[in-house]
C-alpha atoms as a PDB file:
ATOM      1  CA  MET A   1    -122.101 104.828  78.932  1.00  0.00           C
ATOM      2  CA  LYS A   2    -119.470 106.369  81.191  1.00  0.00           C
ATOM      3  CA  LYS A   3    -122.178 107.372  83.660  1.00  0.00           C
ATOM      4  CA  LEU A   4    -123.504 103.818  83.767  1.00  0.00           C
ATOM      5  CA  PHE A   5    -120.015 102.452  84.345  1.00  0.00           C
ATOM      6  CA  PHE A   6    -119.459 104.982  87.140  1.00  0.00           C
ATOM      7  CA  LEU A   7    -122.726 104.050  88.819  1.00  0.00           C
ATOM      8  CA  PHE A   8    -121.957 100.345  88.560  1.00  0.00           C
ATOM      9  CA  SER A   9    -118.504 100.903  90.030  1.00  0.00           C
ATOM     10  CA  LEU A  10    -119.929 102.991  92.853  1.00  0.00           C
ATOM     11  CA  VAL A  11    -122.488 100.337  93.735  1.00  0.00           C
ATOM     12  CA  SER A  12    -119.787  97.654  93.689  1.00  0.00           C
ATOM     13  CA  ILE A  13    -117.509  99.702  95.937  1.00  0.00           C
ATOM     14  CA  LEU A  14    -120.306 100.422  98.407  1.00  0.00           C
ATOM     15  CA  GLY A  15    -121.220  96.743  98.414  1.00  0.00           C
ATOM     16  CA  MET A  16    -117.659  95.758  99.190  1.00  0.00           C
ATOM     17  CA  GLN A  17    -117.458  98.352 101.970  1.00  0.00           C
ATOM     18  CA  ALA A  18    -120.613  96.995 103.572  1.00  0.00           C
ATOM     19  CA  PHE A  19    -119.240  93.462 103.204  1.00  0.00           C
ATOM     20  CA  ALA A  20    -115.950  94.466 104.845  1.00  0.00           C
ATOM     21  CA  GLN A  21    -117.589  95.720 108.078  1.00  0.00           C
ATOM     22  CA  ASP A  22    -114.750  98.021 109.100  1.00  0.00           C
ATOM     23  CA  PHE A  23    -115.799  98.269 112.739  1.00  0.00           C
ATOM     24  CA  ALA A  24    -115.474  94.486 113.056  1.00  0.00           C
ATOM     25  CA  LEU A  25    -112.060  94.490 111.385  1.00  0.00           C
ATOM     26  CA  ALA A  26    -110.891  97.129 113.838  1.00  0.00           C
ATOM     27  CA  GLN A  27    -112.034  94.925 116.735  1.00  0.00           C
ATOM     28  CA  LEU A  28    -110.116  91.963 115.328  1.00  0.00           C
ATOM     29  CA  GLU A  29    -106.955  93.987 114.833  1.00  0.00           C
ATOM     30  CA  LYS A  30    -107.012  95.128 118.465  1.00  0.00           C
ATOM     31  CA  SER A  31    -107.555  91.628 119.835  1.00  0.00           C
ATOM     32  CA  PRO A  32    -104.688  90.135 121.888  1.00  0.00           C
ATOM     33  CA  ARG A  33    -105.936  86.587 121.279  1.00  0.00           C
ATOM     34  CA  HIS A  34    -104.475  84.015 118.900  1.00  0.00           C
ATOM     35  CA  HIS A  35    -106.363  83.713 115.598  1.00  0.00           C
ATOM     36  CA  GLU A  36    -105.753  81.079 112.969  1.00  0.00           C
ATOM     37  CA  TRP A  37    -107.285  79.564 109.854  1.00  0.00           C
ATOM     38  CA  VAL A  38    -107.560  75.785 109.732  1.00  0.00           C
ATOM     39  CA  GLU A  39    -108.734  73.347 107.077  1.00  0.00           C
ATOM     40  CA  VAL A  40    -111.129  70.743 108.418  1.00  0.00           C
ATOM     41  CA  LYS A  41    -111.269  67.800 106.043  1.00  0.00           C
ATOM     42  CA  TYR A  42    -113.733  64.941 105.754  1.00  0.00           C
ATOM     43  CA  GLY A  43    -114.429  62.800 102.716  1.00  0.00           C
ATOM     44  CA  ASN A  44    -113.805  64.987  99.678  1.00  0.00           C
ATOM     45  CA  ARG A  45    -114.703  68.202 101.521  1.00  0.00           C
ATOM     46  CA  THR A  46    -112.439  70.903 102.927  1.00  0.00           C
ATOM     47  CA  VAL A  47    -114.046  73.405 105.295  1.00  0.00           C
ATOM     48  CA  HIS A  48    -112.098  76.584 105.993  1.00  0.00           C
ATOM     49  CA  CYS A  49    -112.555  77.553 109.636  1.00  0.00           C
ATOM     50  CA  PHE A  50    -111.545  80.563 111.695  1.00  0.00           C
ATOM     51  CA  VAL A  51    -110.372  79.586 115.188  1.00  0.00           C
ATOM     52  CA  VAL A  52    -109.745  81.841 118.188  1.00  0.00           C
ATOM     53  CA  TYR A  53    -108.127  80.723 121.426  1.00  0.00           C
ATOM     54  CA  PRO A  54    -108.841  82.200 124.852  1.00  0.00           C
ATOM     55  CA  GLU A  55    -106.046  83.250 127.176  1.00  0.00           C
ATOM     56  CA  LYS A  56    -106.640  80.583 129.833  1.00  0.00           C
ATOM     57  CA  PRO A  57    -104.335  78.432 132.003  1.00  0.00           C
ATOM     58  CA  LYS A  58    -106.399  75.256 131.560  1.00  0.00           C
ATOM     59  CA  ASN A  59    -108.454  73.339 129.013  1.00  0.00           C
ATOM     60  CA  THR A  60    -111.787  74.928 128.145  1.00  0.00           C
ATOM     61  CA  PRO A  61    -115.048  74.124 126.342  1.00  0.00           C
ATOM     62  CA  ALA A  62    -115.464  75.215 122.730  1.00  0.00           C
ATOM     63  CA  VAL A  63    -118.200  77.119 120.915  1.00  0.00           C
ATOM     64  CA  ILE A  64    -119.095  76.665 117.241  1.00  0.00           C
ATOM     65  CA  VAL A  65    -120.174  79.977 115.684  1.00  0.00           C
ATOM     66  CA  ILE A  66    -122.474  79.653 112.662  1.00  0.00           C
ATOM     67  CA  HIS A  67    -122.597  82.663 110.399  1.00  0.00           C
ATOM     68  CA  GLU A  68    -125.524  84.644 109.002  1.00  0.00           C
ATOM     69  CA  ASN A  69    -126.753  84.380 105.434  1.00  0.00           C
ATOM     70  CA  ARG A  70    -123.917  86.716 104.399  1.00  0.00           C
ATOM     71  CA  GLY A  71    -121.313  83.998 104.937  1.00  0.00           C
ATOM     72  CA  LEU A  72    -118.269  84.117 107.203  1.00  0.00           C
ATOM     73  CA  THR A  73    -117.915  87.895 107.390  1.00  0.00           C
ATOM     74  CA  ASP A  74    -115.545  90.031 109.416  1.00  0.00           C
ATOM     75  CA  TRP A  75    -118.279  90.544 111.988  1.00  0.00           C
ATOM     76  CA  VAL A  76    -118.765  86.802 112.486  1.00  0.00           C
ATOM     77  CA  ARG A  77    -115.023  86.448 112.988  1.00  0.00           C
ATOM     78  CA  SER A  78    -115.108  89.298 115.509  1.00  0.00           C
ATOM     79  CA  LEU A  79    -117.984  87.552 117.300  1.00  0.00           C
ATOM     80  CA  ALA A  80    -115.838  84.425 117.514  1.00  0.00           C
ATOM     81  CA  ASP A  81    -113.121  86.574 119.054  1.00  0.00           C
ATOM     82  CA  GLN A  82    -115.637  87.916 121.575  1.00  0.00           C
ATOM     83  CA  VAL A  83    -116.558  84.344 122.517  1.00  0.00           C
ATOM     84  CA  ALA A  84    -112.874  83.586 123.091  1.00  0.00           C
ATOM     85  CA  ALA A  85    -112.607  86.721 125.231  1.00  0.00           C
ATOM     86  CA  GLU A  86    -115.165  85.069 127.524  1.00  0.00           C
ATOM     87  CA  GLY A  87    -112.834  82.096 127.989  1.00  0.00           C
ATOM     88  CA  TYR A  88    -113.904  79.604 125.311  1.00  0.00           C
ATOM     89  CA  ILE A  89    -112.246  78.258 122.179  1.00  0.00           C
ATOM     90  CA  ALA A  90    -114.267  79.494 119.204  1.00  0.00           C
ATOM     91  CA  ILE A  91    -114.494  77.967 115.750  1.00  0.00           C
ATOM     92  CA  ALA A  92    -116.393  79.635 112.909  1.00  0.00           C
ATOM     93  CA  PRO A  93    -116.722  77.371 109.843  1.00  0.00           C
ATOM     94  CA  ASP A  94    -117.091  79.015 106.458  1.00  0.00           C
ATOM     95  CA  LEU A  95    -120.032  77.112 105.016  1.00  0.00           C
ATOM     96  CA  LEU A  96    -119.317  78.588 101.589  1.00  0.00           C
ATOM     97  CA  SER A  97    -116.009  76.709 101.513  1.00  0.00           C
ATOM     98  CA  GLU A  98    -115.103  75.306  98.080  1.00  0.00           C
ATOM     99  CA  PHE A  99    -118.336  76.634  96.564  1.00  0.00           C
ATOM    100  CA  SER A 100    -116.742  76.745  93.119  1.00  0.00           C
ATOM    101  CA  GLU A 101    -113.366  76.804  91.423  1.00  0.00           C
ATOM    102  CA  SER A 102    -113.161  80.598  91.742  1.00  0.00           C
ATOM    103  CA  LYS A 103    -114.949  80.951  95.092  1.00  0.00           C
ATOM    104  CA  LYS A 104    -113.217  78.928  97.772  1.00  0.00           C
ATOM    105  CA  ARG A 105    -114.453  80.949 100.757  1.00  0.00           C
ATOM    106  CA  THR A 106    -116.726  83.858 101.645  1.00  0.00           C
ATOM    107  CA  SER A 107    -114.053  86.473 101.029  1.00  0.00           C
ATOM    108  CA  ASP A 108    -113.981  85.445  97.350  1.00  0.00           C
ATOM    109  CA  PHE A 109    -117.512  86.771  96.796  1.00  0.00           C
ATOM    110  CA  ILE A 110    -117.871  90.339  95.550  1.00  0.00           C
ATOM    111  CA  ASN A 111    -120.514  91.336  98.097  1.00  0.00           C
ATOM    112  CA  SER A 112    -123.022  90.015 100.618  1.00  0.00           C
ATOM    113  CA  ASP A 113    -125.777  89.604  98.010  1.00  0.00           C
ATOM    114  CA  SER A 114    -123.552  87.287  96.001  1.00  0.00           C
ATOM    115  CA  ALA A 115    -122.711  85.276  99.123  1.00  0.00           C
ATOM    116  CA  ARG A 116    -126.385  85.125 100.122  1.00  0.00           C
ATOM    117  CA  ASN A 117    -127.360  83.775  96.708  1.00  0.00           C
ATOM    118  CA  ALA A 118    -124.681  81.108  96.942  1.00  0.00           C
ATOM    119  CA  LEU A 119    -125.808  80.015 100.413  1.00  0.00           C
ATOM    120  CA  SER A 120    -129.297  79.378  99.081  1.00  0.00           C
ATOM    121  CA  GLN A 121    -127.814  76.807  96.693  1.00  0.00           C
ATOM    122  CA  LEU A 122    -126.134  74.698  99.374  1.00  0.00           C
ATOM    123  CA  LYS A 123    -127.459  71.225 100.098  1.00  0.00           C
ATOM    124  CA  PRO A 124    -128.783  70.909 103.675  1.00  0.00           C
ATOM    125  CA  GLU A 125    -126.879  67.666 104.189  1.00  0.00           C
ATOM    126  CA  GLN A 126    -123.597  69.318 103.282  1.00  0.00           C
ATOM    127  CA  VAL A 127    -124.215  72.183 105.704  1.00  0.00           C
ATOM    128  CA  ILE A 128    -124.900  69.837 108.615  1.00  0.00           C
ATOM    129  CA  ASN A 129    -121.932  67.615 107.732  1.00  0.00           C
ATOM    130  CA  ASP A 130    -119.647  70.671 107.607  1.00  0.00           C
ATOM    131  CA  ILE A 131    -120.836  71.799 111.043  1.00  0.00           C
ATOM    132  CA  ASN A 132    -120.458  68.300 112.471  1.00  0.00           C
ATOM    133  CA  ALA A 133    -116.915  68.107 111.084  1.00  0.00           C
ATOM    134  CA  ALA A 134    -116.051  71.432 112.734  1.00  0.00           C
ATOM    135  CA  GLN A 135    -117.496  70.171 116.024  1.00  0.00           C
ATOM    136  CA  ALA A 136    -115.494  66.949 115.887  1.00  0.00           C
ATOM    137  CA  TYR A 137    -112.311  68.876 115.055  1.00  0.00           C
ATOM    138  CA  ILE A 138    -112.594  71.416 117.857  1.00  0.00           C
ATOM    139  CA  ALA A 139    -113.617  68.871 120.498  1.00  0.00           C
ATOM    140  CA  LYS A 140    -110.381  66.937 119.914  1.00  0.00           C
ATOM    141  CA  LEU A 141    -108.004  69.884 120.249  1.00  0.00           C
ATOM    142  CA  PRO A 142    -105.512  69.376 123.091  1.00  0.00           C
ATOM    143  CA  SER A 143    -106.662  72.620 124.768  1.00  0.00           C
ATOM    144  CA  CYS A 144    -110.366  71.701 124.620  1.00  0.00           C
ATOM    145  CA  ASN A 145    -112.013  69.784 127.452  1.00  0.00           C
ATOM    146  CA  GLY A 146    -114.248  67.963 124.951  1.00  0.00           C
ATOM    147  CA  LYS A 147    -117.430  69.949 125.563  1.00  0.00           C
ATOM    148  CA  THR A 148    -118.909  72.009 122.743  1.00  0.00           C
ATOM    149  CA  ALA A 149    -121.798  74.433 122.445  1.00  0.00           C
ATOM    150  CA  ILE A 150    -123.129  75.919 119.235  1.00  0.00           C
ATOM    151  CA  MET A 151    -124.529  79.347 118.449  1.00  0.00           C
ATOM    152  CA  GLY A 152    -125.880  80.663 115.168  1.00  0.00           C
ATOM    153  CA  PHE A 153    -127.253  83.899 113.805  1.00  0.00           C
ATOM    154  CA  CYS A 154    -130.126  84.472 111.345  1.00  0.00           C
ATOM    155  CA  TRP A 155    -129.666  81.710 108.731  1.00  0.00           C
ATOM    156  CA  GLY A 156    -127.042  80.301 111.057  1.00  0.00           C
ATOM    157  CA  GLY A 157    -129.571  80.290 113.892  1.00  0.00           C
ATOM    158  CA  GLY A 158    -131.712  77.906 111.896  1.00  0.00           C
ATOM    159  CA  GLN A 159    -128.671  75.728 111.176  1.00  0.00           C
ATOM    160  CA  CYS A 160    -127.829  75.804 114.876  1.00  0.00           C
ATOM    161  CA  PHE A 161    -131.265  74.436 115.787  1.00  0.00           C
ATOM    162  CA  ARG A 162    -130.958  71.792 113.048  1.00  0.00           C
ATOM    163  CA  SER A 163    -127.562  70.788 114.401  1.00  0.00           C
ATOM    164  CA  ALA A 164    -129.121  70.132 117.784  1.00  0.00           C
ATOM    165  CA  THR A 165    -131.400  67.589 116.100  1.00  0.00           C
ATOM    166  CA  ASN A 166    -128.469  65.854 114.391  1.00  0.00           C
ATOM    167  CA  ASN A 167    -125.484  65.962 116.730  1.00  0.00           C
ATOM    168  CA  PRO A 168    -125.752  64.373 120.193  1.00  0.00           C
ATOM    169  CA  ASN A 169    -122.313  65.735 121.126  1.00  0.00           C
ATOM    170  CA  ILE A 170    -123.534  69.330 121.442  1.00  0.00           C
ATOM    171  CA  SER A 171    -123.886  70.497 125.041  1.00  0.00           C
ATOM    172  CA  ALA A 172    -126.015  73.584 124.375  1.00  0.00           C
ATOM    173  CA  ALA A 173    -127.583  75.299 121.354  1.00  0.00           C
ATOM    174  CA  LEU A 174    -127.961  79.094 121.320  1.00  0.00           C
ATOM    175  CA  VAL A 175    -130.313  80.128 118.511  1.00  0.00           C
ATOM    176  CA  PHE A 176    -130.269  83.800 117.536  1.00  0.00           C
ATOM    177  CA  TYR A 177    -133.328  84.867 115.533  1.00  0.00           C
ATOM    178  CA  GLY A 178    -133.270  81.709 113.440  1.00  0.00           C
ATOM    179  CA  GLY A 179    -135.915  79.287 112.246  1.00  0.00           C
ATOM    180  CA  SER A 180    -136.913  76.079 114.043  1.00  0.00           C
ATOM    181  CA  PRO A 181    -137.530  72.457 113.022  1.00  0.00           C
ATOM    182  CA  ASP A 182    -141.256  71.828 112.625  1.00  0.00           C
ATOM    183  CA  LYS A 183    -141.382  68.030 112.738  1.00  0.00           C
ATOM    184  CA  ALA A 184    -141.862  66.087 115.972  1.00  0.00           C
ATOM    185  CA  GLU A 185    -139.463  63.351 114.827  1.00  0.00           C
ATOM    186  CA  ASP A 186    -136.677  65.920 114.426  1.00  0.00           C
ATOM    187  CA  ILE A 187    -137.357  67.504 117.800  1.00  0.00           C
ATOM    188  CA  ALA A 188    -137.312  64.043 119.423  1.00  0.00           C
ATOM    189  CA  ARG A 189    -133.628  63.619 118.527  1.00  0.00           C
ATOM    190  CA  ILE A 190    -132.484  66.725 120.428  1.00  0.00           C
ATOM    191  CA  LYS A 191    -130.208  65.992 123.398  1.00  0.00           C
ATOM    192  CA  ALA A 192    -129.006  69.484 124.346  1.00  0.00           C
ATOM    193  CA  PRO A 193    -130.950  72.344 125.903  1.00  0.00           C
ATOM    194  CA  VAL A 194    -131.948  74.961 123.321  1.00  0.00           C
ATOM    195  CA  TYR A 195    -131.913  78.670 124.139  1.00  0.00           C
ATOM    196  CA  GLY A 196    -133.622  81.184 121.866  1.00  0.00           C
ATOM    197  CA  PHE A 197    -132.643  84.838 121.448  1.00  0.00           C
ATOM    198  CA  TYR A 198    -135.302  86.781 119.549  1.00  0.00           C
ATOM    199  CA  ALA A 199    -136.050  90.392 118.627  1.00  0.00           C
ATOM    200  CA  GLU A 200    -139.392  92.018 119.382  1.00  0.00           C
ATOM    201  CA  ASN A 201    -139.615  93.507 115.900  1.00  0.00           C
ATOM    202  CA  ASP A 202    -139.077  90.264 114.018  1.00  0.00           C
ATOM    203  CA  GLN A 203    -142.449  88.565 113.598  1.00  0.00           C
ATOM    204  CA  ARG A 204    -141.221  86.607 110.564  1.00  0.00           C
ATOM    205  CA  ILE A 205    -139.181  84.537 113.019  1.00  0.00           C
ATOM    206  CA  ASN A 206    -141.247  84.995 116.180  1.00  0.00           C
ATOM    207  CA  ALA A 207    -144.364  83.565 114.550  1.00  0.00           C
ATOM    208  CA  MET A 208    -142.628  80.161 114.712  1.00  0.00           C
ATOM    209  CA  ILE A 209    -142.056  80.273 118.477  1.00  0.00           C
ATOM    210  CA  PRO A 210    -145.463  78.948 119.697  1.00  0.00           C
ATOM    211  CA  LYS A 211    -145.256  75.794 117.588  1.00  0.00           C
ATOM    212  CA  THR A 212    -141.610  75.273 118.540  1.00  0.00           C
ATOM    213  CA  GLU A 213    -142.487  75.657 122.200  1.00  0.00           C
ATOM    214  CA  GLU A 214    -145.349  73.191 121.831  1.00  0.00           C
ATOM    215  CA  LEU A 215    -143.193  70.582 120.071  1.00  0.00           C
ATOM    216  CA  MET A 216    -140.322  70.925 122.526  1.00  0.00           C
ATOM    217  CA  LYS A 217    -142.657  70.652 125.513  1.00  0.00           C
ATOM    218  CA  ALA A 218    -144.380  67.577 124.081  1.00  0.00           C
ATOM    219  CA  ALA A 219    -140.982  65.922 123.582  1.00  0.00           C
ATOM    220  CA  ASN A 220    -139.867  66.944 127.093  1.00  0.00           C
ATOM    221  CA  LYS A 221    -136.974  68.996 125.695  1.00  0.00           C
ATOM    222  CA  LYS A 222    -135.558  72.102 127.331  1.00  0.00           C
ATOM    223  CA  TYR A 223    -136.370  75.236 125.340  1.00  0.00           C
ATOM    224  CA  GLU A 224    -135.989  78.642 126.949  1.00  0.00           C
ATOM    225  CA  TYR A 225    -136.112  81.913 125.079  1.00  0.00           C
ATOM    226  CA  GLU A 226    -136.038  85.665 125.509  1.00  0.00           C
ATOM    227  CA  ILE A 227    -137.557  88.323 123.266  1.00  0.00           C
ATOM    228  CA  TYR A 228    -135.599  91.565 123.429  1.00  0.00           C
ATOM    229  CA  LYS A 229    -137.753  94.670 123.583  1.00  0.00           C
ATOM    230  CA  GLY A 230    -137.429  97.166 120.752  1.00  0.00           C
ATOM    231  CA  ALA A 231    -134.750  95.126 118.989  1.00  0.00           C
ATOM    232  CA  GLY A 232    -134.795  94.134 115.332  1.00  0.00           C
ATOM    233  CA  HIS A 233    -133.555  91.108 113.431  1.00  0.00           C
ATOM    234  CA  ALA A 234    -129.747  90.758 113.545  1.00  0.00           C
ATOM    235  CA  PHE A 235    -129.484  92.848 116.726  1.00  0.00           C
ATOM    236  CA  MET A 236    -126.246  91.120 117.743  1.00  0.00           C
ATOM    237  CA  ARG A 237    -124.501  92.511 114.664  1.00  0.00           C
ATOM    238  CA  LEU A 238    -126.399  95.786 114.452  1.00  0.00           C
ATOM    239  CA  GLY A 239    -125.916  96.405 118.163  1.00  0.00           C
ATOM    240  CA  ASP A 240    -122.197  95.800 117.800  1.00  0.00           C
ATOM    241  CA  ASP A 241    -121.951  98.546 115.185  1.00  0.00           C
ATOM    242  CA  PRO A 242    -121.126 101.974 116.693  1.00  0.00           C
ATOM    243  CA  ALA A 243    -123.917 103.368 114.491  1.00  0.00           C
ATOM    244  CA  GLY A 244    -126.482 100.885 115.824  1.00  0.00           C
ATOM    245  CA  SER A 245    -129.728 101.886 117.529  1.00  0.00           C
ATOM    246  CA  ALA A 246    -130.022 102.138 121.310  1.00  0.00           C
ATOM    247  CA  GLU A 247    -132.526  99.246 121.317  1.00  0.00           C
ATOM    248  CA  ASN A 248    -130.229  96.913 119.394  1.00  0.00           C
ATOM    249  CA  LYS A 249    -127.260  97.874 121.547  1.00  0.00           C
ATOM    250  CA  GLN A 250    -129.194  97.143 124.741  1.00  0.00           C
ATOM    251  CA  ALA A 251    -130.471  93.838 123.352  1.00  0.00           C
ATOM    252  CA  ARG A 252    -126.903  92.832 122.575  1.00  0.00           C
ATOM    253  CA  ILE A 253    -125.753  93.737 126.106  1.00  0.00           C
ATOM    254  CA  ASP A 254    -128.602  91.774 127.672  1.00  0.00           C
ATOM    255  CA  ALA A 255    -127.994  88.812 125.358  1.00  0.00           C
ATOM    256  CA  TRP A 256    -124.331  88.657 126.327  1.00  0.00           C
ATOM    257  CA  GLN A 257    -125.268  88.510 129.996  1.00  0.00           C
ATOM    258  CA  ARG A 258    -127.450  85.516 129.228  1.00  0.00           C
ATOM    259  CA  ILE A 259    -124.811  83.886 127.005  1.00  0.00           C
ATOM    260  CA  ARG A 260    -122.328  83.971 129.877  1.00  0.00           C
ATOM    261  CA  LYS A 261    -124.738  82.265 132.260  1.00  0.00           C
ATOM    262  CA  ILE A 262    -125.579  79.545 129.745  1.00  0.00           C
ATOM    263  CA  LEU A 263    -121.992  78.734 128.816  1.00  0.00           C
ATOM    264  CA  GLU A 264    -120.918  78.658 132.450  1.00  0.00           C
ATOM    265  CA  LYS A 265    -123.235  75.660 132.930  1.00  0.00           C
ATOM    266  CA  MET A 266    -121.342  73.499 130.418  1.00  0.00           C
END
């Protein structure tokens, strides 16, 4: 019995360590930029959001950062900080906000598996409404020039693409290895250019690209994408990790070069 308890404890500790993402926490702690938590409210909902401000002398565009299927982790917050380092206000909504009485935000979940299971229970309408509320909030900040882009990763990449079909106030959508809408009527509502960032070794996602390209072309919508050689799914996070593979690290470097060019056009 003691052995079983020890093994369970060890697994729980390892899960929490993986969830903590120490390298990302270290990046956040070294950041000179202003970080804050805000509560974005609409109707009966409260969405906890992590906001990072750039060090700029004038108003700037904003970028909404949509997390992976692990929830709003330390790495997603560090990615928001990296966006701010490029000169943009970043807001990362925690889409697990107010999930239950005991789990008000991602950090209340014991590990990433628990957070992933909870995300699968969210209603699609709530997710989109939360993202739209975050967009409306950030666009009205005194230091924002009113323009907003959106980027999402993995599960968040799919939500990013969906947001482009629902929110005409988005200036650009950057989809990182996420799924795509598959209905022409949804594609027809897109106003912003959509940019895809995909990994070569990720056919689960890449198999959707031809149909997406066909639908976007038929609707006369801008859809440009890159497939990063040798990279795997989640290369932006894995390439950020000091222990990441050379292929994922290079994909991340190349993706950042493209991100800069896209956001500069806003």
